[in-house]
Amino acid sequence: MKRGYVMECREIDIYGYEEMHDHLSTLSTQYPILHVESIGSSVLGRPIQVVQMGVGERKIHINAAFHANEWITTPLLMQFIEDCLHCNTTGEQLYGYDVQALLAEAELWLVPMVNPDGVELVVRGRETISDKQLREAVFNWNEQSDDYTGWKANIRGVDLNDQFPAFWEVECERRTVSGPSSRDYGGNAPLTEPEAKAIAAFTQKEEFDVVIALHTQGKEIYWNYRDLECPHAEAYANRLAQVSGYAAIKLTGSDAGYKDWFIQETGRPGFTIELGEGVNPLPISDMQDIYPNMARLLLEAISRSEPQVG
């Protein structure tokens, strides 16, 4: 089976918004089944793109790069999209799963990059910000350093995964960050940031059966939220753990995240997946090790049946 744009490229060091946009354009030309649209725009006006494929009744949403320095989740998800498209066309299996059957049973909606401005800052620096005042503000919020490898937030210094109305006030008190920063500032209210508002509105509109947010790192699966999760959530997470080798963790002491809010509002399964191991940002070379287990996990999440051995 072909390995695709990212997995075959040995010289690429970064994968930002430009690379994702070009990759999506190429895939849209190659695979007519692929539908690409925008669910909104970032602070700096970059479209937040969503990919749709599959025609089944179950609606599943997967997103990546909520956090800027976890940008490796974007090429990982893009590789998964490309492999699914290839297998759906050829009839090949992907890690023992029948992709054609899965896409006949499920409708997938995938947002490969929730935080495009933040990702561009991490991979290309603050020269990507045309507004001089904002460029200087970002420099100051980053403790007057042009090393943005620790930057998780959006371009206004707000952590997008602390932006959701799920005990938001409790998380703000826990974080103790009172203003724009490279990380851990939840804003002055829930859903103030265009990226968070776009994902929230999109989620409410589509009424997904399952949501999965890809983060790094730790090889862990977070599946619960304040005992509001559905009765079969733990068993579902254990299935994902079995095929991926990741650990299913019952997390406490965390609020205001996307999957927290989804579970609180719907009672349906929501997962945060911490891909890989190491120190963020993980190098793109780690994709080779991370991808197989991630792909198996996502395929199992989509599947209603046990995978074939292979």
Protein backbone atom coordinates (compact mmCIF):
# COMPACT_ATOMS: atom_id res chain seq x y z
CA MET A 1 0.00 0.00 0.00
CA LYS A 2 1.27 3.49 -0.80
CA ARG A 3 2.36 5.54 2.20
CA GLY A 4 1.20 8.98 1.10
CA TYR A 5 2.44 12.55 0.96
CA VAL A 6 3.72 12.88 4.52
CA MET A 7 4.96 9.40 5.30
CA GLU A 8 7.04 9.23 2.12
CA CYS A 9 8.63 12.65 2.54
CA ARG A 10 11.93 12.31 4.37
CA GLU A 11 13.09 15.92 4.00
CA ILE A 12 10.11 17.72 5.52
CA ASP A 13 10.71 19.21 8.99
CA ILE A 14 7.46 21.10 9.53
CA TYR A 15 3.85 20.73 8.51
CA GLY A 16 1.86 23.93 8.95
CA TYR A 17 -1.27 25.47 7.53
CA GLU A 18 0.25 25.95 4.07
CA GLU A 19 1.24 22.29 3.82
CA MET A 20 -2.19 21.14 5.00
CA HIS A 21 -3.97 23.39 2.51
CA ASP A 22 -1.87 22.09 -0.39
CA HIS A 23 -2.32 18.50 0.76
CA LEU A 24 -6.11 18.89 0.92
CA SER A 25 -6.14 20.44 -2.54
CA THR A 26 -4.23 17.47 -3.94
CA LEU A 27 -6.49 14.93 -2.24
CA SER A 28 -9.64 16.71 -3.40
CA THR A 29 -8.43 16.41 -6.99
CA GLN A 30 -7.50 12.74 -6.64
CA TYR A 31 -10.58 11.57 -4.71
CA PRO A 32 -14.01 12.93 -5.71
CA ILE A 33 -15.53 11.33 -2.59
CA LEU A 34 -13.72 13.91 -0.47
CA HIS A 35 -15.69 17.00 0.50
CA VAL A 36 -13.82 19.99 1.97
CA GLU A 37 -15.43 23.11 3.41
CA SER A 38 -14.81 25.75 6.07
CA ILE A 39 -16.52 25.87 9.47
CA GLY A 40 -15.21 29.33 10.30
CA SER A 41 -12.02 31.37 10.43
CA SER A 42 -9.17 31.90 12.85
CA VAL A 43 -8.28 35.23 14.45
CA LEU A 44 -6.06 36.05 11.45
CA GLY A 45 -8.68 34.96 8.94
CA ARG A 46 -7.38 31.50 8.01
CA PRO A 47 -10.28 29.17 7.12
CA ILE A 48 -10.73 26.29 9.57
CA GLN A 49 -11.24 23.44 7.15
CA VAL A 50 -13.30 20.32 7.66
CA VAL A 51 -13.09 17.14 5.59
CA GLN A 52 -16.14 14.92 5.12
CA MET A 53 -16.20 11.37 3.81
CA GLY A 54 -18.45 8.35 4.30
CA VAL A 55 -22.20 7.92 3.95
CA GLY A 56 -23.24 5.89 6.99
CA GLU A 57 -25.67 6.73 9.78
CA ARG A 58 -23.13 7.11 12.59
CA LYS A 59 -21.60 10.59 12.65
CA ILE A 60 -18.05 10.75 14.00
CA HIS A 61 -15.91 13.84 14.43
CA ILE A 62 -12.11 13.81 14.78
CA ASN A 63 -10.04 16.96 15.22
CA ALA A 64 -6.36 17.81 15.62
CA ALA A 65 -4.07 20.69 16.61
CA PHE A 66 -6.17 22.39 19.25
CA HIS A 67 -2.76 23.15 20.75
CA ALA A 68 -0.24 24.88 18.50
CA ASN A 69 2.87 22.99 19.53
CA GLU A 70 1.03 19.69 19.09
CA TRP A 71 0.95 20.32 15.33
CA ILE A 72 2.21 16.80 14.50
CA THR A 73 -1.38 15.68 15.07
CA THR A 74 -2.31 17.44 11.81
CA PRO A 75 -0.09 15.44 9.41
CA LEU A 76 -0.99 12.29 11.35
CA LEU A 77 -4.69 12.91 10.77
CA MET A 78 -4.04 13.93 7.17
CA GLN A 79 -2.17 10.67 6.59
CA PHE A 80 -5.15 8.80 8.03
CA ILE A 81 -7.50 10.65 5.67
CA GLU A 82 -5.28 9.85 2.68
CA ASP A 83 -4.99 6.16 3.62
CA CYS A 84 -8.75 5.84 4.09
CA LEU A 85 -9.39 7.44 0.71
CA HIS A 86 -6.87 5.14 -0.96
CA CYS A 87 -8.32 2.00 0.65
CA ASN A 88 -11.87 3.03 -0.12
CA THR A 89 -10.90 3.36 -3.78
CA THR A 90 -8.84 0.19 -4.10
CA GLY A 91 -10.64 -2.10 -1.67
CA GLU A 92 -7.45 -2.69 0.31
CA GLN A 93 -7.68 -3.10 4.07
CA LEU A 94 -6.03 -0.74 6.52
CA TYR A 95 -4.50 -2.58 9.48
CA GLY A 96 -7.06 -5.34 9.07
CA TYR A 97 -10.12 -3.07 8.78
CA ASP A 98 -12.41 -2.93 5.76
CA VAL A 99 -12.43 0.80 5.05
CA GLN A 100 -15.11 0.54 2.36
CA ALA A 101 -17.44 -1.10 4.89
CA LEU A 102 -16.60 1.48 7.56
CA LEU A 103 -17.34 4.41 5.26
CA ALA A 104 -20.63 2.77 4.32
CA GLU A 105 -21.58 2.64 8.01
CA ALA A 106 -20.19 5.98 9.23
CA GLU A 107 -20.03 9.59 8.15
CA LEU A 108 -16.69 11.12 9.14
CA TRP A 109 -16.14 14.82 9.73
CA LEU A 110 -12.47 15.66 10.35
CA VAL A 111 -10.90 19.02 11.24
CA PRO A 112 -7.14 18.57 10.75
CA MET A 113 -6.11 21.93 12.26
CA VAL A 114 -8.29 23.72 14.82
CA ASN A 115 -5.63 26.35 15.61
CA PRO A 116 -3.99 27.43 12.32
CA ASP A 117 -2.59 30.77 13.55
CA GLY A 118 -0.95 29.12 16.54
CA VAL A 119 0.52 26.33 14.44
CA GLU A 120 2.00 28.82 11.97
CA LEU A 121 3.53 30.75 14.87
CA VAL A 122 5.21 27.61 16.22
CA VAL A 123 6.51 26.30 12.89
CA ARG A 124 7.34 29.61 11.14
CA GLY A 125 7.66 32.29 13.84
CA ARG A 126 5.92 35.59 14.51
CA GLU A 127 6.80 37.02 11.13
CA THR A 128 3.64 35.24 9.99
CA ILE A 129 1.70 37.96 11.89
CA SER A 130 1.23 41.00 9.65
CA ASP A 131 -0.15 43.27 12.38
CA LYS A 132 2.82 44.89 14.14
CA GLN A 133 0.99 45.50 17.41
CA LEU A 134 -0.16 41.87 17.67
CA ARG A 135 3.31 40.67 16.66
CA GLU A 136 4.84 42.59 19.57
CA ALA A 137 2.12 41.41 21.96
CA VAL A 138 2.81 37.77 21.09
CA PHE A 139 6.52 38.36 21.75
CA ASN A 140 5.72 39.80 25.20
CA TRP A 141 3.20 37.05 26.07
CA ASN A 142 5.98 34.58 25.27
CA GLU A 143 8.21 36.18 27.89
CA GLN A 144 10.05 38.20 25.23
CA SER A 145 11.37 35.13 23.49
CA ASP A 146 11.16 34.17 19.84
CA ASP A 147 11.31 30.49 20.73
CA TYR A 148 7.68 29.43 20.28
CA THR A 149 8.16 25.69 20.77
CA GLY A 150 6.22 25.91 24.05
CA TRP A 151 3.29 27.88 22.59
CA LYS A 152 -0.06 26.04 22.92
CA ALA A 153 -2.49 28.95 22.62
CA ASN A 154 -4.12 30.68 19.70
CA ILE A 155 -2.60 33.91 18.37
CA ARG A 156 -4.38 35.97 21.07
CA GLY A 157 -2.75 33.94 23.83
CA VAL A 158 -5.87 31.93 24.70
CA ASP A 159 -5.70 28.16 25.23
CA LEU A 160 -8.49 26.88 22.97
CA ASN A 161 -8.92 23.66 24.94
CA ASP A 162 -9.70 25.69 28.08
CA GLN A 163 -12.42 27.66 26.30
CA PHE A 164 -15.51 25.49 26.69
CA PRO A 165 -18.41 26.02 29.12
CA ALA A 166 -17.82 22.91 31.21
CA PHE A 167 -16.93 24.20 34.69
CA TRP A 168 -14.86 26.85 32.94
CA GLU A 169 -14.57 28.98 36.09
CA VAL A 170 -13.15 26.03 38.03
CA GLU A 171 -10.48 25.43 35.39
CA CYS A 172 -9.53 29.13 35.34
CA GLU A 173 -9.03 29.08 39.09
CA ARG A 174 -6.97 25.91 38.83
CA ARG A 175 -4.75 27.32 36.06
CA THR A 176 -4.12 30.68 37.84
CA VAL A 177 -3.11 32.34 34.55
CA SER A 178 -4.82 35.75 34.50
CA GLY A 179 -4.00 37.04 31.03
CA PRO A 180 -2.85 36.13 27.52
CA SER A 181 0.00 33.63 27.60
CA SER A 182 1.68 30.90 25.60
CA ARG A 183 -0.49 28.37 27.47
CA ASP A 184 -3.17 27.77 30.11
CA TYR A 185 -5.13 31.04 29.80
CA GLY A 186 -8.79 30.22 29.21
CA GLY A 187 -9.81 33.72 28.14
CA ASN A 188 -12.05 36.16 30.01
CA ALA A 189 -15.14 34.03 29.30
CA PRO A 190 -15.98 30.74 27.57
CA LEU A 191 -16.09 30.66 23.77
CA THR A 192 -14.58 34.10 23.18
CA GLU A 193 -12.19 32.87 20.47
CA PRO A 194 -13.33 32.34 16.88
CA GLU A 195 -11.68 28.92 16.63
CA ALA A 196 -13.43 27.59 19.75
CA LYS A 197 -16.74 29.15 18.70
CA ALA A 198 -16.45 27.55 15.25
CA ILE A 199 -15.85 24.06 16.65
CA ALA A 200 -18.64 24.43 19.21
CA ALA A 201 -21.19 25.63 16.64
CA PHE A 202 -20.14 22.93 14.18
CA THR A 203 -20.50 20.24 16.86
CA GLN A 204 -23.95 21.45 17.86
CA LYS A 205 -25.09 21.64 14.25
CA GLU A 206 -23.96 18.15 13.25
CA GLU A 207 -24.99 16.33 16.47
CA PHE A 208 -22.14 13.81 16.39
CA ASP A 209 -22.42 10.37 17.93
CA VAL A 210 -18.73 10.32 18.90
CA VAL A 211 -15.98 12.95 19.05
CA ILE A 212 -12.22 12.43 19.26
CA ALA A 213 -9.65 15.17 19.88
CA LEU A 214 -6.04 14.34 19.02
CA HIS A 215 -3.34 15.80 21.26
CA THR A 216 0.23 14.90 22.27
CA GLN A 217 1.79 13.29 24.25
CA GLY A 218 1.61 10.34 26.69
CA LYS A 219 -0.04 7.38 24.90
CA GLU A 220 -3.22 7.85 26.92
CA ILE A 221 -6.97 7.85 26.24
CA TYR A 222 -9.17 10.14 28.37
CA TRP A 223 -12.80 9.04 28.21
CA ASN A 224 -14.69 10.40 31.20
CA TYR A 225 -15.94 13.71 32.58
CA ARG A 226 -17.37 14.26 36.08
CA ASP A 227 -19.37 10.98 35.89
CA LEU A 228 -21.48 12.43 33.05
CA GLU A 229 -20.17 9.97 30.45
CA CYS A 230 -22.42 7.28 28.97
CA PRO A 231 -22.50 3.84 30.68
CA HIS A 232 -20.46 2.13 27.96
CA ALA A 233 -17.75 4.82 27.69
CA GLU A 234 -15.17 2.91 29.71
CA ALA A 235 -15.67 -0.30 27.73
CA TYR A 236 -15.39 1.70 24.51
CA ALA A 237 -12.13 3.26 25.74
CA ASN A 238 -10.79 -0.15 26.72
CA ARG A 239 -11.44 -1.38 23.16
CA LEU A 240 -9.42 1.54 21.83
CA ALA A 241 -6.67 0.82 24.33
CA GLN A 242 -6.52 -2.85 23.35
CA VAL A 243 -5.88 -2.18 19.66
CA SER A 244 -3.49 0.77 20.18
CA GLY A 245 -1.46 -0.20 23.23
CA TYR A 246 -2.43 3.11 24.85
CA ALA A 247 -3.74 3.34 28.42
CA ALA A 248 -7.40 4.19 29.08
CA ILE A 249 -7.29 6.77 31.90
CA LYS A 250 -10.12 7.99 34.12
CA LEU A 251 -9.04 11.61 34.41
CA THR A 252 -9.90 13.97 37.26
CA GLY A 253 -8.99 17.56 38.00
CA SER A 254 -9.50 18.86 34.48
CA ASP A 255 -12.35 20.97 33.05
CA ALA A 256 -13.30 23.30 30.19
CA GLY A 257 -11.94 21.04 27.44
CA TYR A 258 -13.70 20.20 24.19
CA LYS A 259 -14.44 16.55 25.03
CA ASP A 260 -15.52 17.60 28.56
CA TRP A 261 -18.08 19.97 27.10
CA PHE A 262 -19.27 17.40 24.55
CA ILE A 263 -19.83 14.76 27.23
CA GLN A 264 -21.54 17.29 29.50
CA GLU A 265 -23.88 18.51 26.78
CA THR A 266 -24.73 15.22 25.06
CA GLY A 267 -23.82 12.28 27.29
CA ARG A 268 -22.29 10.64 24.22
CA PRO A 269 -18.76 9.21 23.95
CA GLY A 270 -15.98 11.78 23.75
CA PHE A 271 -12.26 11.07 23.85
CA THR A 272 -9.03 13.00 24.15
CA ILE A 273 -6.14 10.97 22.74
CA GLU A 274 -2.59 11.84 23.79
CA LEU A 275 -0.48 10.54 20.90
CA GLY A 276 3.16 9.51 21.17
CA GLU A 277 5.73 10.12 23.87
CA GLY A 278 8.37 12.75 24.45
CA VAL A 279 8.50 16.54 24.75
CA ASN A 280 6.22 18.76 22.66
CA PRO A 281 6.53 19.61 19.88
CA LEU A 282 7.24 16.05 18.84
CA PRO A 283 9.41 15.90 15.70
CA ILE A 284 7.69 14.93 12.47
CA SER A 285 10.01 11.92 12.27
CA ASP A 286 7.98 10.44 15.17
CA MET A 287 5.07 9.95 12.78
CA GLN A 288 6.49 6.63 11.66
CA ASP A 289 6.17 5.24 15.19
CA ILE A 290 2.94 6.99 16.19
CA TYR A 291 0.85 6.43 13.09
CA PRO A 292 0.10 2.67 13.15
CA ASN A 293 -1.30 2.67 16.68
CA MET A 294 -3.22 5.88 16.07
CA ALA A 295 -4.72 4.50 12.87
CA ARG A 296 -5.82 1.30 14.60
CA LEU A 297 -7.37 3.34 17.41
CA LEU A 298 -9.32 5.55 15.00
CA LEU A 299 -10.46 2.62 12.89
CA GLU A 300 -11.68 0.80 15.99
CA ALA A 301 -13.50 3.95 17.12
CA ILE A 302 -15.29 4.08 13.78
CA SER A 303 -15.98 0.34 13.66
CA ARG A 304 -18.89 -1.49 15.25
CA SER A 305 -17.26 -4.88 14.74
CA GLU A 306 -14.07 -6.54 15.82
CA PRO A 307 -11.10 -6.06 13.47
CA GLN A 308 -9.69 -8.85 11.39
CA VAL A 309 -6.20 -10.02 12.24
CA GLY A 310 -3.65 -8.38 9.96
